[in-house]
Amino acid sequence: MIMKDQDIAEKIAAYLSGDLSKHEVYEVETLISENQKWKNEHEDQEKLLTLMDSVSCLEPPARMKNDFEKMLLKENQRPEPLKRVRYWNSSKLWWQVAASLAILALGYFIGISIHKNTTNDQILALQKEMNATKQLVITSLKAESASARLKAVNTSNEMKMMDEDILIALINTLNTDKNVNVRIASLEALSQFADQEHVRKALIESLSTQNEPTIQIVLIHLLVQLNEKRALAPLEKMMNDKNTMETVRDEASFGVFKLS
């Protein structure tokens, strides 16, 4: 027989109050362990029960209690004495307080739920914005205009989180773009993520593909600064290549010295 949601919620409440048989306890514990919805229900009811239990530990302020008892004593001195009620110890009072706290707790959980939904909406909006920026950057890096490509690289620098696809696009721009300024800007952007292994490897491999002296020198300085010893082999090759500009060969030689 399939239980309704209300029946299950009531079973969980009975489980927390210790009013179930061993078989029913096993049944509820299995349900809680296997179903996230009822696990959450169990946790919520347990929190609420703890909150309500804490009420029984509360005591009214001493001054207020004394004033109230004086008032009762005064009433008892009337010609028709009233039956004295120990209202502070009345279970009715505490059930009223517990009910009030239950309402407050329910409002709290509803507030948490609304806040969670609002946060999720904000995250989705941020992701949507980031995806739009990502597509704009990747598309602009393929534009005919060098200024548009340079602007795309600068835009990627302003992003709070760098996307993997953008990193790949920047690496490709560093190695293939026809404009030196765009390639240098790409190198600068990539340098901020040189702590990532695949970015470092790309920078090392780029040494063998670069033919513009300015970029070669900037790249050598960066790899030396990173203390990237895996750059030694391509640096030695560059140092011994007579087709490489002398200034670049000198920088490569200095790089080998620093990294050795």
C-alpha atoms as a PDB file:
ATOM      1  CA  MET A   1       0.000   0.000   0.000  1.00  0.00           C
ATOM      2  CA  ILE A   2       1.399   3.353  -1.072  1.00  0.00           C
ATOM      3  CA  MET A   3       1.272   6.005   1.645  1.00  0.00           C
ATOM      4  CA  LYS A   4       0.224   9.565   0.880  1.00  0.00           C
ATOM      5  CA  ASP A   5       2.604  12.429   1.556  1.00  0.00           C
ATOM      6  CA  GLN A   6       0.560  13.546   4.560  1.00  0.00           C
ATOM      7  CA  ASP A   7       0.691  10.034   6.034  1.00  0.00           C
ATOM      8  CA  ILE A   8       4.457   9.906   5.630  1.00  0.00           C
ATOM      9  CA  ALA A   9       4.883  13.334   7.257  1.00  0.00           C
ATOM     10  CA  GLU A  10       2.778  12.159  10.195  1.00  0.00           C
ATOM     11  CA  LYS A  11       4.821   8.964  10.455  1.00  0.00           C
ATOM     12  CA  ILE A  12       8.005  11.016  10.617  1.00  0.00           C
ATOM     13  CA  ALA A  13       6.472  13.129  13.382  1.00  0.00           C
ATOM     14  CA  ALA A  14       5.542   9.961  15.279  1.00  0.00           C
ATOM     15  CA  TYR A  15       9.060   8.627  14.702  1.00  0.00           C
ATOM     16  CA  LEU A  16      10.582  11.741  16.260  1.00  0.00           C
ATOM     17  CA  SER A  17       8.259  11.478  19.246  1.00  0.00           C
ATOM     18  CA  GLY A  18       9.108   7.774  19.720  1.00  0.00           C
ATOM     19  CA  ASP A  19       5.577   6.485  19.126  1.00  0.00           C
ATOM     20  CA  LEU A  20       6.349   3.876  16.472  1.00  0.00           C
ATOM     21  CA  SER A  21       6.909   0.136  16.625  1.00  0.00           C
ATOM     22  CA  LYS A  22      10.285  -1.345  15.683  1.00  0.00           C
ATOM     23  CA  HIS A  23       8.957  -2.299  12.279  1.00  0.00           C
ATOM     24  CA  GLU A  24       7.633   1.217  11.669  1.00  0.00           C
ATOM     25  CA  VAL A  25      10.893   2.764  12.884  1.00  0.00           C
ATOM     26  CA  TYR A  26      12.821   0.657  10.376  1.00  0.00           C
ATOM     27  CA  GLU A  27      10.331   1.644   7.669  1.00  0.00           C
ATOM     28  CA  VAL A  28      10.722   5.372   8.350  1.00  0.00           C
ATOM     29  CA  GLU A  29      14.536   5.213   8.671  1.00  0.00           C
ATOM     30  CA  THR A  30      14.756   3.384   5.348  1.00  0.00           C
ATOM     31  CA  LEU A  31      12.541   5.999   3.711  1.00  0.00           C
ATOM     32  CA  ILE A  32      14.620   8.864   5.120  1.00  0.00           C
ATOM     33  CA  SER A  33      17.900   7.324   3.993  1.00  0.00           C
ATOM     34  CA  GLU A  34      16.699   6.613   0.454  1.00  0.00           C
ATOM     35  CA  ASN A  35      14.555   9.649  -0.317  1.00  0.00           C
ATOM     36  CA  GLN A  36      15.992  13.176  -0.189  1.00  0.00           C
ATOM     37  CA  LYS A  37      12.539  14.751   0.068  1.00  0.00           C
ATOM     38  CA  TRP A  38      11.703  12.854   3.249  1.00  0.00           C
ATOM     39  CA  LYS A  39      15.189  13.317   4.594  1.00  0.00           C
ATOM     40  CA  ASN A  40      14.609  17.080   4.327  1.00  0.00           C
ATOM     41  CA  GLU A  41      11.170  16.668   5.918  1.00  0.00           C
ATOM     42  CA  HIS A  42      12.745  14.768   8.823  1.00  0.00           C
ATOM     43  CA  GLU A  43      15.386  17.473   9.306  1.00  0.00           C
ATOM     44  CA  ASP A  44      12.788  20.267   9.199  1.00  0.00           C
ATOM     45  CA  GLN A  45      10.524  18.520  11.717  1.00  0.00           C
ATOM     46  CA  GLU A  46      13.493  17.788  13.967  1.00  0.00           C
ATOM     47  CA  LYS A  47      14.526  21.458  13.937  1.00  0.00           C
ATOM     48  CA  LEU A  48      10.994  22.532  14.717  1.00  0.00           C
ATOM     49  CA  LEU A  49      10.707  19.965  17.511  1.00  0.00           C
ATOM     50  CA  THR A  50      13.975  21.161  19.019  1.00  0.00           C
ATOM     51  CA  LEU A  51      12.701  24.722  18.856  1.00  0.00           C
ATOM     52  CA  MET A  52       9.451  23.776  20.559  1.00  0.00           C
ATOM     53  CA  ASP A  53      11.233  21.684  23.195  1.00  0.00           C
ATOM     54  CA  SER A  54      13.406  24.640  24.063  1.00  0.00           C
ATOM     55  CA  VAL A  55      10.278  26.523  25.063  1.00  0.00           C
ATOM     56  CA  SER A  56       9.794  24.228  28.052  1.00  0.00           C
ATOM     57  CA  CYS A  57      13.107  25.445  29.392  1.00  0.00           C
ATOM     58  CA  LEU A  58      12.042  29.092  29.371  1.00  0.00           C
ATOM     59  CA  GLU A  59      11.192  30.934  32.566  1.00  0.00           C
ATOM     60  CA  PRO A  60       9.336  34.271  32.725  1.00  0.00           C
ATOM     61  CA  PRO A  61      11.344  37.235  34.034  1.00  0.00           C
ATOM     62  CA  ALA A  62      11.460  37.180  37.845  1.00  0.00           C
ATOM     63  CA  ARG A  63      10.019  40.696  38.220  1.00  0.00           C
ATOM     64  CA  MET A  64       7.112  39.957  35.880  1.00  0.00           C
ATOM     65  CA  LYS A  65       6.360  36.695  37.654  1.00  0.00           C
ATOM     66  CA  ASN A  66       6.412  38.393  41.099  1.00  0.00           C
ATOM     67  CA  ASP A  67       4.094  41.149  39.896  1.00  0.00           C
ATOM     68  CA  PHE A  68       1.714  38.592  38.490  1.00  0.00           C
ATOM     69  CA  GLU A  69       1.670  36.580  41.731  1.00  0.00           C
ATOM     70  CA  LYS A  70       1.039  39.779  43.749  1.00  0.00           C
ATOM     71  CA  MET A  71      -1.909  40.486  41.526  1.00  0.00           C
ATOM     72  CA  LEU A  72      -3.261  36.983  42.147  1.00  0.00           C
ATOM     73  CA  LEU A  73      -2.766  37.398  45.891  1.00  0.00           C
ATOM     74  CA  LYS A  74      -4.697  40.680  45.789  1.00  0.00           C
ATOM     75  CA  GLU A  75      -7.512  38.971  43.902  1.00  0.00           C
ATOM     76  CA  ASN A  76      -7.592  36.193  46.489  1.00  0.00           C
ATOM     77  CA  GLN A  77      -8.223  38.785  49.226  1.00  0.00           C
ATOM     78  CA  ARG A  78     -11.542  39.812  47.663  1.00  0.00           C
ATOM     79  CA  PRO A  79     -14.839  38.777  49.341  1.00  0.00           C
ATOM     80  CA  GLU A  80     -15.408  36.199  46.607  1.00  0.00           C
ATOM     81  CA  PRO A  81     -11.991  34.693  46.187  1.00  0.00           C
ATOM     82  CA  LEU A  82     -11.031  33.552  42.813  1.00  0.00           C
ATOM     83  CA  LYS A  83      -9.499  30.178  42.252  1.00  0.00           C
ATOM     84  CA  ARG A  84      -5.788  30.762  41.955  1.00  0.00           C
ATOM     85  CA  VAL A  85      -4.392  29.518  38.699  1.00  0.00           C
ATOM     86  CA  ARG A  86      -0.728  28.770  38.308  1.00  0.00           C
ATOM     87  CA  TYR A  87      -0.748  30.120  34.805  1.00  0.00           C
ATOM     88  CA  TRP A  88       3.003  30.303  34.460  1.00  0.00           C
ATOM     89  CA  ASN A  89       3.162  26.571  34.826  1.00  0.00           C
ATOM     90  CA  SER A  90       0.066  25.980  32.716  1.00  0.00           C
ATOM     91  CA  SER A  91       0.541  23.593  29.830  1.00  0.00           C
ATOM     92  CA  LYS A  92      -2.023  25.666  27.941  1.00  0.00           C
ATOM     93  CA  LEU A  93       0.299  28.677  28.072  1.00  0.00           C
ATOM     94  CA  TRP A  94       3.234  26.708  26.793  1.00  0.00           C
ATOM     95  CA  TRP A  95       1.213  25.146  24.005  1.00  0.00           C
ATOM     96  CA  GLN A  96       0.207  28.659  22.943  1.00  0.00           C
ATOM     97  CA  VAL A  97       3.822  29.785  23.002  1.00  0.00           C
ATOM     98  CA  ALA A  98       4.883  26.637  21.149  1.00  0.00           C
ATOM     99  CA  ALA A  99       2.198  27.228  18.526  1.00  0.00           C
ATOM    100  CA  SER A 100       3.430  30.815  18.094  1.00  0.00           C
ATOM    101  CA  LEU A 101       6.991  29.610  17.708  1.00  0.00           C
ATOM    102  CA  ALA A 102       5.836  27.001  15.227  1.00  0.00           C
ATOM    103  CA  ILE A 103       4.244  29.759  13.135  1.00  0.00           C
ATOM    104  CA  LEU A 104       7.452  31.806  13.374  1.00  0.00           C
ATOM    105  CA  ALA A 105       9.512  28.762  12.416  1.00  0.00           C
ATOM    106  CA  LEU A 106       7.247  28.086   9.444  1.00  0.00           C
ATOM    107  CA  GLY A 107       7.704  31.690   8.353  1.00  0.00           C
ATOM    108  CA  TYR A 108      11.462  31.244   8.761  1.00  0.00           C
ATOM    109  CA  PHE A 109      11.527  28.154   6.544  1.00  0.00           C
ATOM    110  CA  ILE A 110       9.325  29.871   3.956  1.00  0.00           C
ATOM    111  CA  GLY A 111      11.675  32.868   4.047  1.00  0.00           C
ATOM    112  CA  ILE A 112      14.670  30.592   3.535  1.00  0.00           C
ATOM    113  CA  SER A 113      12.923  28.951   0.585  1.00  0.00           C
ATOM    114  CA  ILE A 114      12.117  32.324  -1.010  1.00  0.00           C
ATOM    115  CA  HIS A 115      15.686  33.516  -0.430  1.00  0.00           C
ATOM    116  CA  LYS A 116      17.008  30.310  -1.984  1.00  0.00           C
ATOM    117  CA  ASN A 117      14.822  30.749  -5.050  1.00  0.00           C
ATOM    118  CA  THR A 118      15.897  34.390  -5.349  1.00  0.00           C
ATOM    119  CA  THR A 119      19.550  33.380  -5.091  1.00  0.00           C
ATOM    120  CA  ASN A 120      19.074  30.707  -7.756  1.00  0.00           C
ATOM    121  CA  ASP A 121      17.475  33.295 -10.049  1.00  0.00           C
ATOM    122  CA  GLN A 122      20.420  35.623  -9.506  1.00  0.00           C
ATOM    123  CA  ILE A 123      22.896  32.840 -10.276  1.00  0.00           C
ATOM    124  CA  LEU A 124      21.031  31.930 -13.466  1.00  0.00           C
ATOM    125  CA  ALA A 125      20.989  35.588 -14.514  1.00  0.00           C
ATOM    126  CA  LEU A 126      24.737  35.877 -13.858  1.00  0.00           C
ATOM    127  CA  GLN A 127      25.437  32.688 -15.820  1.00  0.00           C
ATOM    128  CA  LYS A 128      23.343  33.978 -18.708  1.00  0.00           C
ATOM    129  CA  GLU A 129      25.267  37.252 -18.690  1.00  0.00           C
ATOM    130  CA  MET A 130      28.614  35.437 -18.570  1.00  0.00           C
ATOM    131  CA  ASN A 131      27.637  33.165 -21.461  1.00  0.00           C
ATOM    132  CA  ALA A 132      26.637  36.182 -23.531  1.00  0.00           C
ATOM    133  CA  THR A 133      29.980  37.876 -22.764  1.00  0.00           C
ATOM    134  CA  LYS A 134      31.825  34.659 -23.557  1.00  0.00           C
ATOM    135  CA  GLN A 135      30.186  34.335 -26.972  1.00  0.00           C
ATOM    136  CA  LEU A 136      30.880  38.004 -27.702  1.00  0.00           C
ATOM    137  CA  VAL A 137      34.579  37.625 -26.833  1.00  0.00           C
ATOM    138  CA  ILE A 138      35.079  34.423 -28.833  1.00  0.00           C
ATOM    139  CA  THR A 139      33.263  35.845 -31.866  1.00  0.00           C
ATOM    140  CA  SER A 140      35.135  39.165 -31.684  1.00  0.00           C
ATOM    141  CA  LEU A 141      38.517  37.390 -31.521  1.00  0.00           C
ATOM    142  CA  LYS A 142      37.775  36.201 -35.086  1.00  0.00           C
ATOM    143  CA  ALA A 143      36.806  39.646 -36.349  1.00  0.00           C
ATOM    144  CA  GLU A 144      38.572  41.215 -39.337  1.00  0.00           C
ATOM    145  CA  SER A 145      39.322  44.407 -37.415  1.00  0.00           C
ATOM    146  CA  ALA A 146      42.425  44.276 -35.214  1.00  0.00           C
ATOM    147  CA  SER A 147      40.900  46.880 -32.891  1.00  0.00           C
ATOM    148  CA  ALA A 148      37.836  44.660 -32.430  1.00  0.00           C
ATOM    149  CA  ARG A 149      40.059  41.689 -31.584  1.00  0.00           C
ATOM    150  CA  LEU A 150      42.087  43.809 -29.170  1.00  0.00           C
ATOM    151  CA  LYS A 151      38.883  45.008 -27.508  1.00  0.00           C
ATOM    152  CA  ALA A 152      37.768  41.370 -27.156  1.00  0.00           C
ATOM    153  CA  VAL A 153      41.005  40.480 -25.359  1.00  0.00           C
ATOM    154  CA  ASN A 154      40.603  43.464 -23.028  1.00  0.00           C
ATOM    155  CA  THR A 155      37.004  42.442 -22.322  1.00  0.00           C
ATOM    156  CA  SER A 156      38.171  38.967 -21.323  1.00  0.00           C
ATOM    157  CA  ASN A 157      40.512  40.601 -18.798  1.00  0.00           C
ATOM    158  CA  GLU A 158      37.535  42.241 -17.109  1.00  0.00           C
ATOM    159  CA  MET A 159      35.645  38.993 -16.611  1.00  0.00           C
ATOM    160  CA  LYS A 160      35.445  37.854 -12.978  1.00  0.00           C
ATOM    161  CA  MET A 161      35.764  34.209 -13.975  1.00  0.00           C
ATOM    162  CA  MET A 162      37.756  33.032 -16.978  1.00  0.00           C
ATOM    163  CA  ASP A 163      35.991  30.407 -19.060  1.00  0.00           C
ATOM    164  CA  GLU A 164      37.946  27.436 -20.439  1.00  0.00           C
ATOM    165  CA  ASP A 165      36.768  28.152 -23.990  1.00  0.00           C
ATOM    166  CA  ILE A 166      38.030  31.724 -23.733  1.00  0.00           C
ATOM    167  CA  LEU A 167      41.428  30.514 -22.512  1.00  0.00           C
ATOM    168  CA  ILE A 168      41.677  28.247 -25.555  1.00  0.00           C
ATOM    169  CA  ALA A 169      40.669  31.148 -27.816  1.00  0.00           C
ATOM    170  CA  LEU A 170      43.314  33.392 -26.218  1.00  0.00           C
ATOM    171  CA  ILE A 171      46.005  30.747 -26.701  1.00  0.00           C
ATOM    172  CA  ASN A 172      45.039  30.440 -30.351  1.00  0.00           C
ATOM    173  CA  THR A 173      45.118  34.249 -30.680  1.00  0.00           C
ATOM    174  CA  LEU A 174      48.585  34.373 -29.094  1.00  0.00           C
ATOM    175  CA  ASN A 175      49.934  31.895 -31.630  1.00  0.00           C
ATOM    176  CA  THR A 176      48.135  32.916 -34.829  1.00  0.00           C
ATOM    177  CA  ASP A 177      46.870  36.515 -34.755  1.00  0.00           C
ATOM    178  CA  LYS A 178      48.405  38.728 -37.437  1.00  0.00           C
ATOM    179  CA  ASN A 179      48.555  41.787 -35.195  1.00  0.00           C
ATOM    180  CA  VAL A 180      51.446  42.020 -32.707  1.00  0.00           C
ATOM    181  CA  ASN A 181      49.524  44.193 -30.242  1.00  0.00           C
ATOM    182  CA  VAL A 182      46.666  41.699 -30.135  1.00  0.00           C
ATOM    183  CA  ARG A 183      49.068  38.831 -29.511  1.00  0.00           C
ATOM    184  CA  ILE A 184      50.854  40.729 -26.717  1.00  0.00           C
ATOM    185  CA  ALA A 185      47.504  41.561 -25.115  1.00  0.00           C
ATOM    186  CA  SER A 186      46.574  37.869 -25.287  1.00  0.00           C
ATOM    187  CA  LEU A 187      49.866  36.948 -23.639  1.00  0.00           C
ATOM    188  CA  GLU A 188      49.201  39.453 -20.857  1.00  0.00           C
ATOM    189  CA  ALA A 189      45.705  38.037 -20.333  1.00  0.00           C
ATOM    190  CA  LEU A 190      47.016  34.459 -20.214  1.00  0.00           C
ATOM    191  CA  SER A 191      49.754  35.399 -17.756  1.00  0.00           C
ATOM    192  CA  GLN A 192      47.068  35.969 -15.107  1.00  0.00           C
ATOM    193  CA  PHE A 193      46.167  32.282 -15.326  1.00  0.00           C
ATOM    194  CA  ALA A 194      49.673  30.868 -15.516  1.00  0.00           C
ATOM    195  CA  ASP A 195      48.993  28.884 -12.345  1.00  0.00           C
ATOM    196  CA  GLN A 196      46.903  26.529 -14.479  1.00  0.00           C
ATOM    197  CA  GLU A 197      48.927  23.656 -15.910  1.00  0.00           C
ATOM    198  CA  HIS A 198      47.458  23.697 -19.422  1.00  0.00           C
ATOM    199  CA  VAL A 199      48.095  27.447 -19.695  1.00  0.00           C
ATOM    200  CA  ARG A 200      51.744  26.994 -18.684  1.00  0.00           C
ATOM    201  CA  LYS A 201      52.205  24.220 -21.228  1.00  0.00           C
ATOM    202  CA  ALA A 202      50.673  26.422 -23.902  1.00  0.00           C
ATOM    203  CA  LEU A 203      53.081  29.255 -23.036  1.00  0.00           C
ATOM    204  CA  ILE A 204      56.076  26.912 -23.242  1.00  0.00           C
ATOM    205  CA  GLU A 205      54.921  25.490 -26.580  1.00  0.00           C
ATOM    206  CA  SER A 206      54.346  29.013 -27.859  1.00  0.00           C
ATOM    207  CA  LEU A 207      58.093  29.683 -27.684  1.00  0.00           C
ATOM    208  CA  SER A 208      58.573  27.441 -30.694  1.00  0.00           C
ATOM    209  CA  THR A 209      55.868  29.124 -32.767  1.00  0.00           C
ATOM    210  CA  GLN A 210      56.589  32.810 -32.137  1.00  0.00           C
ATOM    211  CA  ASN A 211      58.641  34.730 -34.700  1.00  0.00           C
ATOM    212  CA  GLU A 212      58.043  38.299 -33.534  1.00  0.00           C
ATOM    213  CA  PRO A 213      61.020  39.467 -31.374  1.00  0.00           C
ATOM    214  CA  THR A 214      58.880  41.606 -29.047  1.00  0.00           C
ATOM    215  CA  ILE A 215      56.595  38.702 -28.223  1.00  0.00           C
ATOM    216  CA  GLN A 216      59.498  36.298 -27.874  1.00  0.00           C
ATOM    217  CA  ILE A 217      61.211  38.561 -25.333  1.00  0.00           C
ATOM    218  CA  VAL A 218      58.031  39.150 -23.304  1.00  0.00           C
ATOM    219  CA  LEU A 219      57.333  35.399 -23.299  1.00  0.00           C
ATOM    220  CA  ILE A 220      60.880  34.574 -22.162  1.00  0.00           C
ATOM    221  CA  HIS A 221      60.636  37.070 -19.300  1.00  0.00           C
ATOM    222  CA  LEU A 222      57.307  35.579 -18.219  1.00  0.00           C
ATOM    223  CA  LEU A 223      58.569  31.983 -18.191  1.00  0.00           C
ATOM    224  CA  VAL A 224      61.679  32.997 -16.250  1.00  0.00           C
ATOM    225  CA  GLN A 225      59.515  34.854 -13.766  1.00  0.00           C
ATOM    226  CA  LEU A 226      57.407  31.694 -13.378  1.00  0.00           C
ATOM    227  CA  ASN A 227      60.608  29.702 -12.857  1.00  0.00           C
ATOM    228  CA  GLU A 228      59.366  27.286 -15.489  1.00  0.00           C
ATOM    229  CA  LYS A 229      62.305  24.908 -15.984  1.00  0.00           C
ATOM    230  CA  ARG A 230      60.483  23.009 -18.708  1.00  0.00           C
ATOM    231  CA  ALA A 231      61.203  26.027 -20.912  1.00  0.00           C
ATOM    232  CA  LEU A 232      64.940  25.253 -20.859  1.00  0.00           C
ATOM    233  CA  ALA A 233      64.902  23.050 -23.970  1.00  0.00           C
ATOM    234  CA  PRO A 234      63.084  25.498 -26.273  1.00  0.00           C
ATOM    235  CA  LEU A 235      65.170  28.361 -24.853  1.00  0.00           C
ATOM    236  CA  GLU A 236      68.429  26.530 -25.645  1.00  0.00           C
ATOM    237  CA  LYS A 237      67.159  25.826 -29.139  1.00  0.00           C
ATOM    238  CA  MET A 238      66.292  29.500 -29.591  1.00  0.00           C
ATOM    239  CA  MET A 239      69.671  30.540 -28.165  1.00  0.00           C
ATOM    240  CA  ASN A 240      71.528  28.415 -30.734  1.00  0.00           C
ATOM    241  CA  ASP A 241      69.317  29.309 -33.715  1.00  0.00           C
ATOM    242  CA  LYS A 242      71.270  31.694 -35.941  1.00  0.00           C
ATOM    243  CA  ASN A 243      68.063  32.751 -37.688  1.00  0.00           C
ATOM    244  CA  THR A 244      66.803  34.233 -34.418  1.00  0.00           C
ATOM    245  CA  MET A 245      67.498  37.920 -33.785  1.00  0.00           C
ATOM    246  CA  GLU A 246      70.584  38.461 -31.656  1.00  0.00           C
ATOM    247  CA  THR A 247      68.682  40.413 -28.983  1.00  0.00           C
ATOM    248  CA  VAL A 248      66.263  37.507 -28.599  1.00  0.00           C
ATOM    249  CA  ARG A 249      69.139  35.000 -28.491  1.00  0.00           C
ATOM    250  CA  ASP A 250      70.719  37.029 -25.695  1.00  0.00           C
ATOM    251  CA  GLU A 251      67.440  36.991 -23.774  1.00  0.00           C
ATOM    252  CA  ALA A 252      67.154  33.251 -24.317  1.00  0.00           C
ATOM    253  CA  SER A 253      70.704  32.772 -23.060  1.00  0.00           C
ATOM    254  CA  PHE A 254      69.910  34.825 -19.959  1.00  0.00           C
ATOM    255  CA  GLY A 255      66.772  32.758 -19.452  1.00  0.00           C
ATOM    256  CA  VAL A 256      68.753  29.517 -19.604  1.00  0.00           C
ATOM    257  CA  PHE A 257      71.178  30.919 -17.055  1.00  0.00           C
ATOM    258  CA  LYS A 258      68.380  31.909 -14.667  1.00  0.00           C
ATOM    259  CA  LEU A 259      66.525  28.619 -14.949  1.00  0.00           C
ATOM    260  CA  SER A 260      69.543  26.300 -14.787  1.00  0.00           C
END
